[in-house]
């Protein structure tokens, strides 16, 4: 599993239908679980992004499927970054030549 941080902004459609957002979140979490992933954290945020999710996914291909499926619903636009734990960071730096 690899950890990814999903930064999302509501589209015009998503904000117009904001009251359905909690049920859309539940559907997204179910979809991620069905693809073998896990939602570690979810946040409503203020600033450059409206939402932040921290997810574990089994592969980049499944991550791409997940993001395409979420985006195709038309309620959010996402930017996703790969995240490494502190332990992984230390291992990566230790392995440098």
PDB file of N, CA and C in Angstrom:
ATOM      1  N   UNK A   1       0.848  -1.187   0.000  1.00  0.00           N
ATOM      2  CA  UNK A   1       0.000   0.000   0.000  1.00  0.00           C
ATOM      3  C   UNK A   1       0.888   1.242   0.000  1.00  0.00           C
ATOM      4  N   UNK A   2       0.442   2.231  -0.721  1.00  0.00           N
ATOM      5  CA  UNK A   2       1.131   3.522  -0.705  1.00  0.00           C
ATOM      6  C   UNK A   2       0.127   4.594  -0.283  1.00  0.00           C
ATOM      7  N   UNK A   3       0.661   5.593   0.388  1.00  0.00           N
ATOM      8  CA  UNK A   3      -0.187   6.676   0.898  1.00  0.00           C
ATOM      9  C   UNK A   3      -0.195   7.825  -0.093  1.00  0.00           C
ATOM     10  N   UNK A   4      -1.386   8.358  -0.331  1.00  0.00           N
ATOM     11  CA  UNK A   4      -1.552   9.511  -1.211  1.00  0.00           C
ATOM     12  C   UNK A   4      -2.413  10.554  -0.503  1.00  0.00           C
ATOM     13  N   UNK A   5      -2.109  11.804  -0.766  1.00  0.00           N
ATOM     14  CA  UNK A   5      -2.912  12.907  -0.247  1.00  0.00           C
ATOM     15  C   UNK A   5      -3.683  13.481  -1.428  1.00  0.00           C
ATOM     16  N   UNK A   6      -4.999  13.480  -1.302  1.00  0.00           N
ATOM     17  CA  UNK A   6      -5.864  14.003  -2.354  1.00  0.00           C
ATOM     18  C   UNK A   6      -6.342  15.382  -1.921  1.00  0.00           C
ATOM     19  N   UNK A   7      -5.998  16.379  -2.716  1.00  0.00           N
ATOM     20  CA  UNK A   7      -6.420  17.760  -2.487  1.00  0.00           C
ATOM     21  C   UNK A   7      -7.540  18.032  -3.477  1.00  0.00           C
ATOM     22  N   UNK A   8      -8.695  18.463  -2.999  1.00  0.00           N
ATOM     23  CA  UNK A   8      -9.845  18.611  -3.888  1.00  0.00           C
ATOM     24  C   UNK A   8     -10.504  19.975  -3.733  1.00  0.00           C
ATOM     25  N   UNK A   9     -11.063  20.422  -4.840  1.00  0.00           N
ATOM     26  CA  UNK A   9     -11.892  21.630  -4.863  1.00  0.00           C
ATOM     27  C   UNK A   9     -13.240  21.265  -5.443  1.00  0.00           C
ATOM     28  N   UNK A  10     -14.288  21.864  -4.881  1.00  0.00           N
ATOM     29  CA  UNK A  10     -15.623  21.662  -5.425  1.00  0.00           C
ATOM     30  C   UNK A  10     -15.722  22.298  -6.801  1.00  0.00           C
ATOM     31  N   UNK A  11     -16.423  21.637  -7.700  1.00  0.00           N
ATOM     32  CA  UNK A  11     -16.791  22.236  -8.977  1.00  0.00           C
ATOM     33  C   UNK A  11     -18.054  23.068  -8.737  1.00  0.00           C
ATOM     34  N   UNK A  12     -18.502  23.782  -9.762  1.00  0.00           N
ATOM     35  CA  UNK A  12     -19.764  24.516  -9.629  1.00  0.00           C
ATOM     36  C   UNK A  12     -20.901  23.563  -9.272  1.00  0.00           C
ATOM     37  N   UNK A  13     -20.929  22.405  -9.928  1.00  0.00           N
ATOM     38  CA  UNK A  13     -21.955  21.405  -9.620  1.00  0.00           C
ATOM     39  C   UNK A  13     -21.853  20.928  -8.176  1.00  0.00           C
ATOM     40  N   UNK A  14     -20.629  20.658  -7.723  1.00  0.00           N
ATOM     41  CA  UNK A  14     -20.426  20.160  -6.362  1.00  0.00           C
ATOM     42  C   UNK A  14     -20.878  21.146  -5.297  1.00  0.00           C
ATOM     43  N   UNK A  15     -20.589  22.425  -5.483  1.00  0.00           N
ATOM     44  CA  UNK A  15     -20.973  23.415  -4.477  1.00  0.00           C
ATOM     45  C   UNK A  15     -22.461  23.724  -4.548  1.00  0.00           C
ATOM     46  N   UNK A  16     -23.051  23.664  -5.754  1.00  0.00           N
ATOM     47  CA  UNK A  16     -24.501  23.860  -5.873  1.00  0.00           C
ATOM     48  C   UNK A  16     -25.268  22.780  -5.101  1.00  0.00           C
ATOM     49  N   UNK A  17     -24.695  21.585  -5.057  1.00  0.00           N
ATOM     50  CA  UNK A  17     -25.334  20.451  -4.383  1.00  0.00           C
ATOM     51  C   UNK A  17     -24.599  20.085  -3.097  1.00  0.00           C
ATOM     52  N   UNK A  18     -24.134  21.086  -2.371  1.00  0.00           N
ATOM     53  CA  UNK A  18     -23.294  20.867  -1.191  1.00  0.00           C
ATOM     54  C   UNK A  18     -23.982  20.009  -0.127  1.00  0.00           C
ATOM     55  N   UNK A  19     -25.293  20.103  -0.012  1.00  0.00           N
ATOM     56  CA  UNK A  19     -25.985  19.339   1.029  1.00  0.00           C
ATOM     57  C   UNK A  19     -25.898  17.834   0.785  1.00  0.00           C
ATOM     58  N   UNK A  20     -25.607  17.421  -0.446  1.00  0.00           N
ATOM     59  CA  UNK A  20     -25.425  15.998  -0.736  1.00  0.00           C
ATOM     60  C   UNK A  20     -23.971  15.553  -0.537  1.00  0.00           C
ATOM     61  N   UNK A  21     -23.114  16.494  -0.194  1.00  0.00           N
ATOM     62  CA  UNK A  21     -21.687  16.193  -0.072  1.00  0.00           C
ATOM     63  C   UNK A  21     -21.382  15.098   0.954  1.00  0.00           C
ATOM     64  N   UNK A  22     -22.011  15.069   2.141  1.00  0.00           N
ATOM     65  CA  UNK A  22     -21.717  13.970   3.073  1.00  0.00           C
ATOM     66  C   UNK A  22     -22.058  12.591   2.502  1.00  0.00           C
ATOM     67  N   UNK A  23     -23.158  12.479   1.779  1.00  0.00           N
ATOM     68  CA  UNK A  23     -23.492  11.169   1.200  1.00  0.00           C
ATOM     69  C   UNK A  23     -22.540  10.832   0.058  1.00  0.00           C
ATOM     70  N   UNK A  24     -22.076  11.849  -0.676  1.00  0.00           N
ATOM     71  CA  UNK A  24     -21.074  11.595  -1.729  1.00  0.00           C
ATOM     72  C   UNK A  24     -19.767  11.128  -1.112  1.00  0.00           C
ATOM     73  N   UNK A  25     -19.409  11.683   0.038  1.00  0.00           N
ATOM     74  CA  UNK A  25     -18.208  11.236   0.741  1.00  0.00           C
ATOM     75  C   UNK A  25     -18.336   9.767   1.122  1.00  0.00           C
ATOM     76  N   UNK A  26     -19.495   9.384   1.652  1.00  0.00           N
ATOM     77  CA  UNK A  26     -19.709   7.975   2.011  1.00  0.00           C
ATOM     78  C   UNK A  26     -19.557   7.067   0.801  1.00  0.00           C
ATOM     79  N   UNK A  27     -20.109   7.487  -0.338  1.00  0.00           N
ATOM     80  CA  UNK A  27     -19.988   6.697  -1.568  1.00  0.00           C
ATOM     81  C   UNK A  27     -18.528   6.602  -2.010  1.00  0.00           C
ATOM     82  N   UNK A  28     -17.799   7.703  -1.917  1.00  0.00           N
ATOM     83  CA  UNK A  28     -16.382   7.706  -2.306  1.00  0.00           C
ATOM     84  C   UNK A  28     -15.578   6.772  -1.406  1.00  0.00           C
ATOM     85  N   UNK A  29     -15.844   6.814  -0.096  1.00  0.00           N
ATOM     86  CA  UNK A  29     -15.126   5.934   0.833  1.00  0.00           C
ATOM     87  C   UNK A  29     -15.431   4.470   0.542  1.00  0.00           C
ATOM     88  N   UNK A  30     -16.685   4.163   0.219  1.00  0.00           N
ATOM     89  CA  UNK A  30     -17.053   2.793  -0.143  1.00  0.00           C
ATOM     90  C   UNK A  30     -16.339   2.355  -1.417  1.00  0.00           C
ATOM     91  N   UNK A  31     -16.289   3.235  -2.416  1.00  0.00           N
ATOM     92  CA  UNK A  31     -15.625   2.913  -3.662  1.00  0.00           C
ATOM     93  C   UNK A  31     -14.142   2.634  -3.441  1.00  0.00           C
ATOM     94  N   UNK A  32     -13.502   3.471  -2.622  1.00  0.00           N
ATOM     95  CA  UNK A  32     -12.082   3.297  -2.326  1.00  0.00           C
ATOM     96  C   UNK A  32     -11.854   1.955  -1.632  1.00  0.00           C
ATOM     97  N   UNK A  33     -12.722   1.596  -0.700  1.00  0.00           N
ATOM     98  CA  UNK A  33     -12.612   0.299  -0.022  1.00  0.00           C
ATOM     99  C   UNK A  33     -12.794  -0.852  -1.013  1.00  0.00           C
ATOM    100  N   UNK A  34     -13.766  -0.714  -1.912  1.00  0.00           N
ATOM    101  CA  UNK A  34     -14.009  -1.766  -2.903  1.00  0.00           C
ATOM    102  C   UNK A  34     -12.821  -1.971  -3.833  1.00  0.00           C
ATOM    103  N   UNK A  35     -12.049  -0.921  -4.057  1.00  0.00           N
ATOM    104  CA  UNK A  35     -10.852  -1.019  -4.895  1.00  0.00           C
ATOM    105  C   UNK A  35      -9.640  -1.493  -4.090  1.00  0.00           C
ATOM    106  N   UNK A  36      -9.835  -1.808  -2.821  1.00  0.00           N
ATOM    107  CA  UNK A  36      -8.743  -2.303  -1.994  1.00  0.00           C
ATOM    108  C   UNK A  36      -7.994  -1.231  -1.232  1.00  0.00           C
ATOM    109  N   UNK A  37      -8.498  -0.004  -1.257  1.00  0.00           N
ATOM    110  CA  UNK A  37      -7.855   1.100  -0.550  1.00  0.00           C
ATOM    111  C   UNK A  37      -8.486   1.361   0.798  1.00  0.00           C
ATOM    112  N   UNK A  38      -7.980   2.386   1.459  1.00  0.00           N
ATOM    113  CA  UNK A  38      -8.454   2.748   2.789  1.00  0.00           C
ATOM    114  C   UNK A  38      -8.328   4.256   2.978  1.00  0.00           C
ATOM    115  N   UNK A  39      -9.408   4.880   3.421  1.00  0.00           N
ATOM    116  CA  UNK A  39      -9.356   6.313   3.740  1.00  0.00           C
ATOM    117  C   UNK A  39      -8.863   6.455   5.173  1.00  0.00           C
ATOM    118  N   UNK A  40      -7.683   7.051   5.332  1.00  0.00           N
ATOM    119  CA  UNK A  40      -7.103   7.226   6.660  1.00  0.00           C
ATOM    120  C   UNK A  40      -7.665   8.459   7.352  1.00  0.00           C
ATOM    121  N   UNK A  41      -7.815   9.553   6.584  1.00  0.00           N
ATOM    122  CA  UNK A  41      -8.300  10.815   7.149  1.00  0.00           C
ATOM    123  C   UNK A  41      -9.048  11.596   6.084  1.00  0.00           C
ATOM    124  N   UNK A  42      -9.980  12.420   6.543  1.00  0.00           N
ATOM    125  CA  UNK A  42     -10.718  13.332   5.676  1.00  0.00           C
ATOM    126  C   UNK A  42     -10.844  14.658   6.403  1.00  0.00           C
ATOM    127  N   UNK A  43     -10.656  15.757   5.668  1.00  0.00           N
ATOM    128  CA  UNK A  43     -10.774  17.082   6.267  1.00  0.00           C
ATOM    129  C   UNK A  43     -11.503  18.033   5.322  1.00  0.00           C
ATOM    130  N   UNK A  44     -12.394  18.833   5.847  1.00  0.00           N
ATOM    131  CA  UNK A  44     -12.898  20.021   5.169  1.00  0.00           C
ATOM    132  C   UNK A  44     -11.880  21.104   5.488  1.00  0.00           C
ATOM    133  N   UNK A  45     -11.376  21.804   4.475  1.00  0.00           N
ATOM    134  CA  UNK A  45     -10.301  22.765   4.722  1.00  0.00           C
ATOM    135  C   UNK A  45     -10.670  24.143   4.170  1.00  0.00           C
ATOM    136  N   UNK A  46      -9.959  25.136   4.644  1.00  0.00           N
ATOM    137  CA  UNK A  46     -10.121  26.513   4.171  1.00  0.00           C
ATOM    138  C   UNK A  46      -8.798  26.928   3.538  1.00  0.00           C
ATOM    139  N   UNK A  47      -8.867  27.633   2.446  1.00  0.00           N
ATOM    140  CA  UNK A  47      -7.649  28.057   1.768  1.00  0.00           C
ATOM    141  C   UNK A  47      -7.680  27.620   0.318  1.00  0.00           C
ATOM    142  N   UNK A  48      -6.547  27.156  -0.177  1.00  0.00           N
ATOM    143  CA  UNK A  48      -6.430  26.802  -1.589  1.00  0.00           C
ATOM    144  C   UNK A  48      -7.271  25.586  -1.975  1.00  0.00           C
ATOM    145  N   UNK A  49      -7.557  24.702  -1.013  1.00  0.00           N
ATOM    146  CA  UNK A  49      -8.331  23.493  -1.292  1.00  0.00           C
ATOM    147  C   UNK A  49      -9.524  23.421  -0.352  1.00  0.00           C
ATOM    148  N   UNK A  50     -10.604  22.807  -0.855  1.00  0.00           N
ATOM    149  CA  UNK A  50     -11.821  22.656  -0.066  1.00  0.00           C
ATOM    150  C   UNK A  50     -11.812  21.392   0.792  1.00  0.00           C
ATOM    151  N   UNK A  51     -11.182  20.343   0.278  1.00  0.00           N
ATOM    152  CA  UNK A  51     -11.182  19.045   0.950  1.00  0.00           C
ATOM    153  C   UNK A  51      -9.795  18.427   0.864  1.00  0.00           C
ATOM    154  N   UNK A  52      -9.447  17.653   1.890  1.00  0.00           N
ATOM    155  CA  UNK A  52      -8.207  16.880   1.876  1.00  0.00           C
ATOM    156  C   UNK A  52      -8.521  15.483   2.381  1.00  0.00           C
ATOM    157  N   UNK A  53      -8.066  14.484   1.627  1.00  0.00           N
ATOM    158  CA  UNK A  53      -8.205  13.093   2.053  1.00  0.00           C
ATOM    159  C   UNK A  53      -6.824  12.453   2.051  1.00  0.00           C
ATOM    160  N   UNK A  54      -6.571  11.632   3.045  1.00  0.00           N
ATOM    161  CA  UNK A  54      -5.355  10.834   3.085  1.00  0.00           C
ATOM    162  C   UNK A  54      -5.797   9.392   2.885  1.00  0.00           C
ATOM    163  N   UNK A  55      -5.300   8.772   1.820  1.00  0.00           N
ATOM    164  CA  UNK A  55      -5.740   7.421   1.475  1.00  0.00           C
ATOM    165  C   UNK A  55      -4.552   6.500   1.259  1.00  0.00           C
ATOM    166  N   UNK A  56      -4.750   5.236   1.571  1.00  0.00           N
ATOM    167  CA  UNK A  56      -3.802   4.192   1.215  1.00  0.00           C
ATOM    168  C   UNK A  56      -4.393   3.445   0.040  1.00  0.00           C
ATOM    169  N   UNK A  57      -3.581   3.228  -0.982  1.00  0.00           N
ATOM    170  CA  UNK A  57      -4.043   2.491  -2.159  1.00  0.00           C
ATOM    171  C   UNK A  57      -3.033   1.405  -2.507  1.00  0.00           C
ATOM    172  N   UNK A  58      -3.525   0.291  -3.072  1.00  0.00           N
ATOM    173  CA  UNK A  58      -2.626  -0.832  -3.344  1.00  0.00           C
ATOM    174  C   UNK A  58      -1.682  -0.633  -4.530  1.00  0.00           C
ATOM    175  N   UNK A  59      -2.041   0.216  -5.498  1.00  0.00           N
ATOM    176  CA  UNK A  59      -1.158   0.419  -6.653  1.00  0.00           C
ATOM    177  C   UNK A  59      -1.501   1.745  -7.334  1.00  0.00           C
ATOM    178  N   UNK A  60      -0.573   2.211  -8.162  1.00  0.00           N
ATOM    179  CA  UNK A  60      -0.813   3.445  -8.909  1.00  0.00           C
ATOM    180  C   UNK A  60      -1.977   3.277  -9.885  1.00  0.00           C
ATOM    181  N   UNK A  61      -2.087   2.084 -10.482  1.00  0.00           N
ATOM    182  CA  UNK A  61      -3.177   1.834 -11.423  1.00  0.00           C
ATOM    183  C   UNK A  61      -4.537   1.944 -10.732  1.00  0.00           C
ATOM    184  N   UNK A  62      -4.645   1.373  -9.551  1.00  0.00           N
ATOM    185  CA  UNK A  62      -5.903   1.463  -8.800  1.00  0.00           C
ATOM    186  C   UNK A  62      -6.143   2.902  -8.358  1.00  0.00           C
ATOM    187  N   UNK A  63      -5.076   3.615  -8.001  1.00  0.00           N
ATOM    188  CA  UNK A  63      -5.211   5.022  -7.654  1.00  0.00           C
ATOM    189  C   UNK A  63      -5.742   5.834  -8.825  1.00  0.00           C
ATOM    190  N   UNK A  64      -5.243   5.548 -10.019  1.00  0.00           N
ATOM    191  CA  UNK A  64      -5.729   6.250 -11.208  1.00  0.00           C
ATOM    192  C   UNK A  64      -7.203   5.936 -11.452  1.00  0.00           C
ATOM    193  N   UNK A  65      -7.592   4.670 -11.307  1.00  0.00           N
ATOM    194  CA  UNK A  65      -9.004   4.289 -11.446  1.00  0.00           C
ATOM    195  C   UNK A  65      -9.867   5.065 -10.463  1.00  0.00           C
ATOM    196  N   UNK A  66      -9.400   5.121  -9.218  1.00  0.00           N
ATOM    197  CA  UNK A  66     -10.131   5.791  -8.154  1.00  0.00           C
ATOM    198  C   UNK A  66     -10.330   7.268  -8.484  1.00  0.00           C
ATOM    199  N   UNK A  67      -9.272   7.940  -8.901  1.00  0.00           N
ATOM    200  CA  UNK A  67      -9.357   9.369  -9.186  1.00  0.00           C
ATOM    201  C   UNK A  67     -10.211   9.657 -10.415  1.00  0.00           C
ATOM    202  N   UNK A  68     -10.107   8.808 -11.425  1.00  0.00           N
ATOM    203  CA  UNK A  68     -10.949   8.994 -12.609  1.00  0.00           C
ATOM    204  C   UNK A  68     -12.420   8.787 -12.263  1.00  0.00           C
ATOM    205  N   UNK A  69     -12.703   7.782 -11.449  1.00  0.00           N
ATOM    206  CA  UNK A  69     -14.090   7.532 -11.049  1.00  0.00           C
ATOM    207  C   UNK A  69     -14.631   8.696 -10.229  1.00  0.00           C
ATOM    208  N   UNK A  70     -13.851   9.209  -9.283  1.00  0.00           N
ATOM    209  CA  UNK A  70     -14.298  10.339  -8.469  1.00  0.00           C
ATOM    210  C   UNK A  70     -14.501  11.579  -9.339  1.00  0.00           C
ATOM    211  N   UNK A  71     -13.548  11.845 -10.215  1.00  0.00           N
ATOM    212  CA  UNK A  71     -13.640  13.023 -11.067  1.00  0.00           C
ATOM    213  C   UNK A  71     -14.795  12.953 -12.057  1.00  0.00           C
ATOM    214  N   UNK A  72     -15.113  11.748 -12.512  1.00  0.00           N
ATOM    215  CA  UNK A  72     -16.172  11.607 -13.513  1.00  0.00           C
ATOM    216  C   UNK A  72     -17.550  11.943 -12.964  1.00  0.00           C
ATOM    217  N   UNK A  73     -17.686  11.990 -11.652  1.00  0.00           N
ATOM    218  CA  UNK A  73     -18.970  12.350 -11.055  1.00  0.00           C
ATOM    219  C   UNK A  73     -19.266  13.840 -11.187  1.00  0.00           C
ATOM    220  N   UNK A  74     -18.206  14.643 -11.421  1.00  0.00           N
ATOM    221  CA  UNK A  74     -18.396  16.055 -11.707  1.00  0.00           C
ATOM    222  C   UNK A  74     -18.520  16.985 -10.515  1.00  0.00           C
ATOM    223  N   UNK A  75     -18.264  16.486  -9.308  1.00  0.00           N
ATOM    224  CA  UNK A  75     -18.442  17.314  -8.117  1.00  0.00           C
ATOM    225  C   UNK A  75     -17.148  17.905  -7.561  1.00  0.00           C
ATOM    226  N   UNK A  76     -16.012  17.287  -7.894  1.00  0.00           N
ATOM    227  CA  UNK A  76     -14.721  17.776  -7.407  1.00  0.00           C
ATOM    228  C   UNK A  76     -13.670  17.675  -8.502  1.00  0.00           C
ATOM    229  N   UNK A  77     -12.637  18.491  -8.357  1.00  0.00           N
ATOM    230  CA  UNK A  77     -11.414  18.381  -9.151  1.00  0.00           C
ATOM    231  C   UNK A  77     -10.299  18.091  -8.160  1.00  0.00           C
ATOM    232  N   UNK A  78      -9.407  17.190  -8.521  1.00  0.00           N
ATOM    233  CA  UNK A  78      -8.397  16.762  -7.554  1.00  0.00           C
ATOM    234  C   UNK A  78      -6.977  17.018  -8.027  1.00  0.00           C
ATOM    235  N   UNK A  79      -6.100  17.169  -7.044  1.00  0.00           N
ATOM    236  CA  UNK A  79      -4.655  17.131  -7.212  1.00  0.00           C
ATOM    237  C   UNK A  79      -4.174  16.110  -6.199  1.00  0.00           C
ATOM    238  N   UNK A  80      -3.353  15.174  -6.633  1.00  0.00           N
ATOM    239  CA  UNK A  80      -2.947  14.096  -5.746  1.00  0.00           C
ATOM    240  C   UNK A  80      -1.436  14.042  -5.645  1.00  0.00           C
ATOM    241  N   UNK A  81      -0.929  13.823  -4.450  1.00  0.00           N
ATOM    242  CA  UNK A  81       0.515  13.695  -4.239  1.00  0.00           C
ATOM    243  C   UNK A  81       0.797  12.410  -3.468  1.00  0.00           C
ATOM    244  N   UNK A  82       1.902  11.780  -3.813  1.00  0.00           N
ATOM    245  CA  UNK A  82       2.362  10.583  -3.109  1.00  0.00           C
ATOM    246  C   UNK A  82       3.002  11.048  -1.815  1.00  0.00           C
ATOM    247  N   UNK A  83       2.706  10.360  -0.717  1.00  0.00           N
ATOM    248  CA  UNK A  83       3.251  10.732   0.589  1.00  0.00           C
ATOM    249  C   UNK A  83       4.076   9.580   1.159  1.00  0.00           C
ATOM    250  N   UNK A  84       5.176   9.914   1.792  1.00  0.00           N
ATOM    251  CA  UNK A  84       6.040   8.933   2.431  1.00  0.00           C
ATOM    252  C   UNK A  84       6.051   9.183   3.935  1.00  0.00           C
ATOM    253  N   UNK A  85       6.003   8.125   4.713  1.00  0.00           N
ATOM    254  CA  UNK A  85       6.052   8.252   6.165  1.00  0.00           C
ATOM    255  C   UNK A  85       7.452   8.694   6.594  1.00  0.00           C
ATOM    256  N   UNK A  86       7.581   9.046   7.856  1.00  0.00           N
ATOM    257  CA  UNK A  86       8.902   9.414   8.366  1.00  0.00           C
ATOM    258  C   UNK A  86       9.868   8.246   8.242  1.00  0.00           C
ATOM    259  N   UNK A  87       9.408   7.064   8.546  1.00  0.00           N
ATOM    260  CA  UNK A  87      10.266   5.876   8.438  1.00  0.00           C
ATOM    261  C   UNK A  87      10.725   5.687   6.995  1.00  0.00           C
ATOM    262  N   UNK A  88       9.794   5.806   6.047  1.00  0.00           N
ATOM    263  CA  UNK A  88      10.158   5.681   4.637  1.00  0.00           C
ATOM    264  C   UNK A  88      11.138   6.778   4.222  1.00  0.00           C
ATOM    265  N   UNK A  89      10.905   7.994   4.683  1.00  0.00           N
ATOM    266  CA  UNK A  89      11.810   9.114   4.411  1.00  0.00           C
ATOM    267  C   UNK A  89      13.220   8.774   4.870  1.00  0.00           C
ATOM    268  N   UNK A  90      13.348   8.284   6.096  1.00  0.00           N
ATOM    269  CA  UNK A  90      14.668   7.949   6.641  1.00  0.00           C
ATOM    270  C   UNK A  90      15.337   6.847   5.824  1.00  0.00           C
ATOM    271  N   UNK A  91      14.558   5.839   5.408  1.00  0.00           N
ATOM    272  CA  UNK A  91      15.102   4.754   4.590  1.00  0.00           C
ATOM    273  C   UNK A  91      15.562   5.271   3.232  1.00  0.00           C
ATOM    274  N   UNK A  92      14.791   6.149   2.625  1.00  0.00           N
ATOM    275  CA  UNK A  92      15.147   6.716   1.320  1.00  0.00           C
ATOM    276  C   UNK A  92      16.452   7.502   1.434  1.00  0.00           C
ATOM    277  N   UNK A  93      16.543   8.342   2.454  1.00  0.00           N
ATOM    278  CA  UNK A  93      17.754   9.160   2.626  1.00  0.00           C
ATOM    279  C   UNK A  93      18.954   8.268   2.969  1.00  0.00           C
ATOM    280  N   UNK A  94      18.744   7.260   3.792  1.00  0.00           N
ATOM    281  CA  UNK A  94      19.824   6.357   4.173  1.00  0.00           C
ATOM    282  C   UNK A  94      20.389   5.615   2.957  1.00  0.00           C
ATOM    283  N   UNK A  95      19.524   5.320   1.982  1.00  0.00           N
ATOM    284  CA  UNK A  95      19.952   4.571   0.802  1.00  0.00           C
ATOM    285  C   UNK A  95      20.669   5.432  -0.239  1.00  0.00           C
ATOM    286  N   UNK A  96      20.734   6.735  -0.014  1.00  0.00           N
ATOM    287  CA  UNK A  96      21.424   7.592  -0.975  1.00  0.00           C
ATOM    288  C   UNK A  96      22.895   7.225  -1.065  1.00  0.00           C
ATOM    289  N   UNK A  97      23.466   7.304  -2.271  1.00  0.00           N
ATOM    290  CA  UNK A  97      24.897   6.992  -2.428  1.00  0.00           C
ATOM    291  C   UNK A  97      25.787   8.015  -1.758  1.00  0.00           C
TER     292      UNK A  97
END
